[in-house]
Amino acid sequence: MSIDVNNESGTEVDEQAILDIARYALARMRIHPLSELSVIVIDEDAMEQLHIQWMDLPGPTDVMSFPMDELRPPGKDDEEPPQGLLGDIVLCPEVAKKQGEEAPTQHSMDEELQLLTVHGVLHLLGYDHEEPDEKAEMFGLQAAIVDGWRGEHGLTGPSPAPTVS
């Protein structure tokens, strides 16, 4: 799996954890090991510009996903997953920090960025949360992936509750 993490935010983030959880999420979703992903970490001003440009919504957001080859997890019949360019995940650590502090189960900016990375991966794979059944499926997968990764890394306690809307 080729994953690039590029921090352009000016904020120190745990880039290795972002890389590790993205790799873990893609493996759990059975994405071809030669697929490519880019994760870009930017500041609030740059995120606000993207949010306005692509979503026509004011203010910065926590995560945005820009799919490329529209890869999807393979079916249950063990078919060979296709390889390709997954796309870009864009994260904003300042928004992540605020969300982590305001969450019912307060957690760190880095924990929120890990959750948002998984959220972004799922969006790249075609998952959404507009409808209640879609939200239940996506957030269930997100929690299972984050909890699995945390368990493998010896991190205790529950994963952060989803703060993305």
C-alpha atoms as a PDB file:
ATOM      1  CA  MET A   1       0.000   0.000   0.000  1.00  0.00           C
ATOM      2  CA  SER A   2       1.464   3.329  -1.019  1.00  0.00           C
ATOM      3  CA  ILE A   3       0.287   6.029   1.386  1.00  0.00           C
ATOM      4  CA  ASP A   4       1.747   9.518   1.477  1.00  0.00           C
ATOM      5  CA  VAL A   5       1.111  11.822   4.443  1.00  0.00           C
ATOM      6  CA  ASN A   6       1.949  15.457   3.785  1.00  0.00           C
ATOM      7  CA  ASN A   7       1.596  17.888   6.707  1.00  0.00           C
ATOM      8  CA  GLU A   8       1.216  21.439   5.393  1.00  0.00           C
ATOM      9  CA  SER A   9      -0.678  22.700   8.449  1.00  0.00           C
ATOM     10  CA  GLY A  10       2.120  24.057  10.601  1.00  0.00           C
ATOM     11  CA  THR A  11       0.697  21.961  13.476  1.00  0.00           C
ATOM     12  CA  GLU A  12       2.602  18.981  14.796  1.00  0.00           C
ATOM     13  CA  VAL A  13       0.569  15.819  14.252  1.00  0.00           C
ATOM     14  CA  ASP A  14       1.325  12.128  14.670  1.00  0.00           C
ATOM     15  CA  GLU A  15       1.936  11.407  10.980  1.00  0.00           C
ATOM     16  CA  GLN A  16       2.991   7.822  11.692  1.00  0.00           C
ATOM     17  CA  ALA A  17      -0.325   7.070  13.417  1.00  0.00           C
ATOM     18  CA  ILE A  18      -2.240   8.577  10.482  1.00  0.00           C
ATOM     19  CA  LEU A  19      -0.233   6.403   8.092  1.00  0.00           C
ATOM     20  CA  ASP A  20      -0.668   3.293  10.255  1.00  0.00           C
ATOM     21  CA  ILE A  21      -4.426   3.637  10.742  1.00  0.00           C
ATOM     22  CA  ALA A  22      -4.973   4.395   7.039  1.00  0.00           C
ATOM     23  CA  ARG A  23      -3.008   1.257   6.121  1.00  0.00           C
ATOM     24  CA  TYR A  24      -4.944  -0.771   8.698  1.00  0.00           C
ATOM     25  CA  ALA A  25      -8.312   0.533   7.439  1.00  0.00           C
ATOM     26  CA  LEU A  26      -7.465  -0.280   3.820  1.00  0.00           C
ATOM     27  CA  ALA A  27      -6.311  -3.770   4.749  1.00  0.00           C
ATOM     28  CA  ARG A  28      -9.496  -4.374   6.794  1.00  0.00           C
ATOM     29  CA  MET A  29     -11.561  -3.238   3.807  1.00  0.00           C
ATOM     30  CA  ARG A  30      -9.558  -5.643   1.577  1.00  0.00           C
ATOM     31  CA  ILE A  31      -8.268  -2.954  -0.767  1.00  0.00           C
ATOM     32  CA  HIS A  32      -5.548  -4.114  -3.165  1.00  0.00           C
ATOM     33  CA  PRO A  33      -2.098  -3.771  -1.531  1.00  0.00           C
ATOM     34  CA  LEU A  34      -0.722  -1.874  -4.538  1.00  0.00           C
ATOM     35  CA  SER A  35      -3.377   0.857  -4.338  1.00  0.00           C
ATOM     36  CA  GLU A  36      -2.353   4.426  -3.564  1.00  0.00           C
ATOM     37  CA  LEU A  37      -3.657   7.005  -1.090  1.00  0.00           C
ATOM     38  CA  SER A  38      -2.658  10.553  -0.255  1.00  0.00           C
ATOM     39  CA  VAL A  39      -3.370  12.242   3.090  1.00  0.00           C
ATOM     40  CA  ILE A  40      -2.857  15.992   3.301  1.00  0.00           C
ATOM     41  CA  VAL A  41      -2.987  17.912   6.577  1.00  0.00           C
ATOM     42  CA  ILE A  42      -3.804  21.616   6.145  1.00  0.00           C
ATOM     43  CA  ASP A  43      -4.662  24.647   8.269  1.00  0.00           C
ATOM     44  CA  GLU A  44      -8.116  26.118   8.856  1.00  0.00           C
ATOM     45  CA  ASP A  45      -7.828  28.793   6.167  1.00  0.00           C
ATOM     46  CA  ALA A  46      -6.902  26.294   3.460  1.00  0.00           C
ATOM     47  CA  MET A  47      -9.629  23.885   4.636  1.00  0.00           C
ATOM     48  CA  GLU A  48     -12.210  26.668   4.570  1.00  0.00           C
ATOM     49  CA  GLN A  49     -11.262  27.470   0.968  1.00  0.00           C
ATOM     50  CA  LEU A  50     -11.704  23.806  -0.024  1.00  0.00           C
ATOM     51  CA  HIS A  51     -14.980  23.576   1.890  1.00  0.00           C
ATOM     52  CA  ILE A  52     -16.384  26.593   0.057  1.00  0.00           C
ATOM     53  CA  GLN A  53     -15.013  25.540  -3.330  1.00  0.00           C
ATOM     54  CA  TRP A  54     -16.206  21.916  -3.268  1.00  0.00           C
ATOM     55  CA  MET A  55     -19.179  21.885  -0.898  1.00  0.00           C
ATOM     56  CA  ASP A  56     -20.350  25.514  -1.099  1.00  0.00           C
ATOM     57  CA  LEU A  57     -20.373  25.595   2.706  1.00  0.00           C
ATOM     58  CA  PRO A  58     -18.814  28.300   4.909  1.00  0.00           C
ATOM     59  CA  GLY A  59     -16.072  27.720   7.456  1.00  0.00           C
ATOM     60  CA  PRO A  60     -13.473  24.989   7.785  1.00  0.00           C
ATOM     61  CA  THR A  61     -14.457  21.361   8.222  1.00  0.00           C
ATOM     62  CA  ASP A  62     -12.648  18.415   9.800  1.00  0.00           C
ATOM     63  CA  VAL A  63     -12.115  16.079   6.827  1.00  0.00           C
ATOM     64  CA  MET A  64     -12.754  16.038   3.100  1.00  0.00           C
ATOM     65  CA  SER A  65     -12.283  13.149   0.693  1.00  0.00           C
ATOM     66  CA  PHE A  66     -11.573  13.352  -3.018  1.00  0.00           C
ATOM     67  CA  PRO A  67     -11.923   9.926  -4.685  1.00  0.00           C
ATOM     68  CA  MET A  68     -10.018   9.101  -7.869  1.00  0.00           C
ATOM     69  CA  ASP A  69     -10.615   5.607  -9.271  1.00  0.00           C
ATOM     70  CA  GLU A  70     -13.785   4.920  -7.237  1.00  0.00           C
ATOM     71  CA  LEU A  71     -12.391   1.697  -5.809  1.00  0.00           C
ATOM     72  CA  ARG A  72     -14.767  -0.418  -3.739  1.00  0.00           C
ATOM     73  CA  PRO A  73     -14.124  -3.279  -1.339  1.00  0.00           C
ATOM     74  CA  PRO A  74     -14.407  -6.669  -3.060  1.00  0.00           C
ATOM     75  CA  GLY A  75     -17.543  -8.752  -2.607  1.00  0.00           C
ATOM     76  CA  LYS A  76     -17.902 -11.517  -0.086  1.00  0.00           C
ATOM     77  CA  ASP A  77     -16.981 -14.207  -2.634  1.00  0.00           C
ATOM     78  CA  ASP A  78     -13.250 -13.478  -2.241  1.00  0.00           C
ATOM     79  CA  GLU A  79     -12.893 -11.901  -5.663  1.00  0.00           C
ATOM     80  CA  GLU A  80      -9.555 -10.202  -6.323  1.00  0.00           C
ATOM     81  CA  PRO A  81      -9.771  -6.501  -5.419  1.00  0.00           C
ATOM     82  CA  PRO A  82      -8.799  -4.054  -8.167  1.00  0.00           C
ATOM     83  CA  GLN A  83      -5.814  -1.792  -7.619  1.00  0.00           C
ATOM     84  CA  GLY A  84      -5.737   1.911  -8.338  1.00  0.00           C
ATOM     85  CA  LEU A  85      -5.598   5.418  -6.979  1.00  0.00           C
ATOM     86  CA  LEU A  86      -7.944   5.790  -4.036  1.00  0.00           C
ATOM     87  CA  GLY A  87      -7.647   9.575  -3.931  1.00  0.00           C
ATOM     88  CA  ASP A  88      -6.942  12.233  -1.328  1.00  0.00           C
ATOM     89  CA  ILE A  89      -8.010  12.690   2.265  1.00  0.00           C
ATOM     90  CA  VAL A  90      -7.630  16.230   3.594  1.00  0.00           C
ATOM     91  CA  LEU A  91      -7.505  16.724   7.377  1.00  0.00           C
ATOM     92  CA  CYS A  92      -7.597  19.881   9.500  1.00  0.00           C
ATOM     93  CA  PRO A  93      -5.901  19.481  12.903  1.00  0.00           C
ATOM     94  CA  GLU A  94      -7.319  22.727  14.364  1.00  0.00           C
ATOM     95  CA  VAL A  95     -10.878  21.537  13.765  1.00  0.00           C
ATOM     96  CA  ALA A  96      -9.940  18.055  15.007  1.00  0.00           C
ATOM     97  CA  LYS A  97      -8.542  19.553  18.224  1.00  0.00           C
ATOM     98  CA  LYS A  98     -11.760  21.477  18.904  1.00  0.00           C
ATOM     99  CA  GLN A  99     -13.910  18.437  18.165  1.00  0.00           C
ATOM    100  CA  GLY A 100     -11.841  16.219  20.452  1.00  0.00           C
ATOM    101  CA  GLU A 101     -12.140  18.731  23.290  1.00  0.00           C
ATOM    102  CA  GLU A 102     -15.905  19.142  22.788  1.00  0.00           C
ATOM    103  CA  ALA A 103     -16.731  15.457  22.347  1.00  0.00           C
ATOM    104  CA  PRO A 104     -18.694  13.681  25.100  1.00  0.00           C
ATOM    105  CA  THR A 105     -15.668  11.416  25.568  1.00  0.00           C
ATOM    106  CA  GLN A 106     -12.949  14.055  25.360  1.00  0.00           C
ATOM    107  CA  HIS A 107      -9.916  12.922  23.429  1.00  0.00           C
ATOM    108  CA  SER A 108      -6.768  14.301  21.867  1.00  0.00           C
ATOM    109  CA  MET A 109      -6.355  15.962  18.509  1.00  0.00           C
ATOM    110  CA  ASP A 110      -4.320  12.979  17.312  1.00  0.00           C
ATOM    111  CA  GLU A 111      -7.052  10.518  18.343  1.00  0.00           C
ATOM    112  CA  GLU A 112      -9.582  12.646  16.439  1.00  0.00           C
ATOM    113  CA  LEU A 113      -7.292  12.739  13.382  1.00  0.00           C
ATOM    114  CA  GLN A 114      -7.067   8.941  13.486  1.00  0.00           C
ATOM    115  CA  LEU A 115     -10.867   8.690  13.547  1.00  0.00           C
ATOM    116  CA  LEU A 116     -11.140  11.236  10.727  1.00  0.00           C
ATOM    117  CA  THR A 117      -8.589   9.327   8.650  1.00  0.00           C
ATOM    118  CA  VAL A 118     -10.740   6.205   8.836  1.00  0.00           C
ATOM    119  CA  HIS A 119     -13.815   8.324   8.073  1.00  0.00           C
ATOM    120  CA  GLY A 120     -12.059   9.719   5.004  1.00  0.00           C
ATOM    121  CA  VAL A 121     -10.999   6.248   3.834  1.00  0.00           C
ATOM    122  CA  LEU A 122     -14.587   5.038   4.061  1.00  0.00           C
ATOM    123  CA  HIS A 123     -15.802   8.019   2.039  1.00  0.00           C
ATOM    124  CA  LEU A 124     -13.198   7.225  -0.629  1.00  0.00           C
ATOM    125  CA  LEU A 125     -14.616   3.700  -0.742  1.00  0.00           C
ATOM    126  CA  GLY A 126     -18.128   4.972  -1.408  1.00  0.00           C
ATOM    127  CA  TYR A 127     -19.595   4.984   2.093  1.00  0.00           C
ATOM    128  CA  ASP A 128     -21.758   7.910   3.150  1.00  0.00           C
ATOM    129  CA  HIS A 129     -23.882   9.002   6.097  1.00  0.00           C
ATOM    130  CA  GLU A 130     -26.697  11.035   4.561  1.00  0.00           C
ATOM    131  CA  GLU A 131     -29.414   8.472   5.339  1.00  0.00           C
ATOM    132  CA  PRO A 132     -29.876   6.796   8.757  1.00  0.00           C
ATOM    133  CA  ASP A 133     -29.117   3.295   7.440  1.00  0.00           C
ATOM    134  CA  GLU A 134     -25.996   4.550   5.609  1.00  0.00           C
ATOM    135  CA  LYS A 135     -24.865   6.383   8.740  1.00  0.00           C
ATOM    136  CA  ALA A 136     -25.326   3.283  10.894  1.00  0.00           C
ATOM    137  CA  GLU A 137     -23.306   1.162   8.460  1.00  0.00           C
ATOM    138  CA  MET A 138     -20.512   3.693   7.975  1.00  0.00           C
ATOM    139  CA  PHE A 139     -20.138   4.645  11.632  1.00  0.00           C
ATOM    140  CA  GLY A 140     -20.285   0.975  12.656  1.00  0.00           C
ATOM    141  CA  LEU A 141     -17.449   0.136  10.261  1.00  0.00           C
ATOM    142  CA  GLN A 142     -15.543   3.217  11.416  1.00  0.00           C
ATOM    143  CA  ALA A 143     -15.799   2.206  15.096  1.00  0.00           C
ATOM    144  CA  ALA A 144     -14.796  -1.410  14.335  1.00  0.00           C
ATOM    145  CA  ILE A 145     -11.733  -0.278  12.374  1.00  0.00           C
ATOM    146  CA  VAL A 146     -10.612   2.291  14.963  1.00  0.00           C
ATOM    147  CA  ASP A 147     -11.183  -0.163  17.839  1.00  0.00           C
ATOM    148  CA  GLY A 148      -9.311  -2.923  15.976  1.00  0.00           C
ATOM    149  CA  TRP A 149      -6.359  -0.654  15.265  1.00  0.00           C
ATOM    150  CA  ARG A 150      -6.277   0.638  18.845  1.00  0.00           C
ATOM    151  CA  GLY A 151      -6.382  -2.943  20.132  1.00  0.00           C
ATOM    152  CA  GLU A 152      -3.475  -3.982  17.919  1.00  0.00           C
ATOM    153  CA  HIS A 153      -1.472  -1.011  19.194  1.00  0.00           C
ATOM    154  CA  GLY A 154      -2.207  -1.702  22.863  1.00  0.00           C
ATOM    155  CA  LEU A 155      -4.280   1.444  23.294  1.00  0.00           C
ATOM    156  CA  THR A 156      -6.907   1.007  25.978  1.00  0.00           C
ATOM    157  CA  GLY A 157     -10.344   2.463  26.408  1.00  0.00           C
ATOM    158  CA  PRO A 158     -13.059   2.994  23.859  1.00  0.00           C
ATOM    159  CA  SER A 159     -12.363   4.666  20.567  1.00  0.00           C
ATOM    160  CA  PRO A 160     -13.434   8.283  20.271  1.00  0.00           C
ATOM    161  CA  ALA A 161     -17.130   8.678  19.533  1.00  0.00           C
ATOM    162  CA  PRO A 162     -17.791   9.915  16.004  1.00  0.00           C
ATOM    163  CA  THR A 163     -17.829  13.693  15.924  1.00  0.00           C
ATOM    164  CA  VAL A 164     -18.167  14.077  12.172  1.00  0.00           C
ATOM    165  CA  SER A 165     -21.598  14.942  10.910  1.00  0.00           C
END
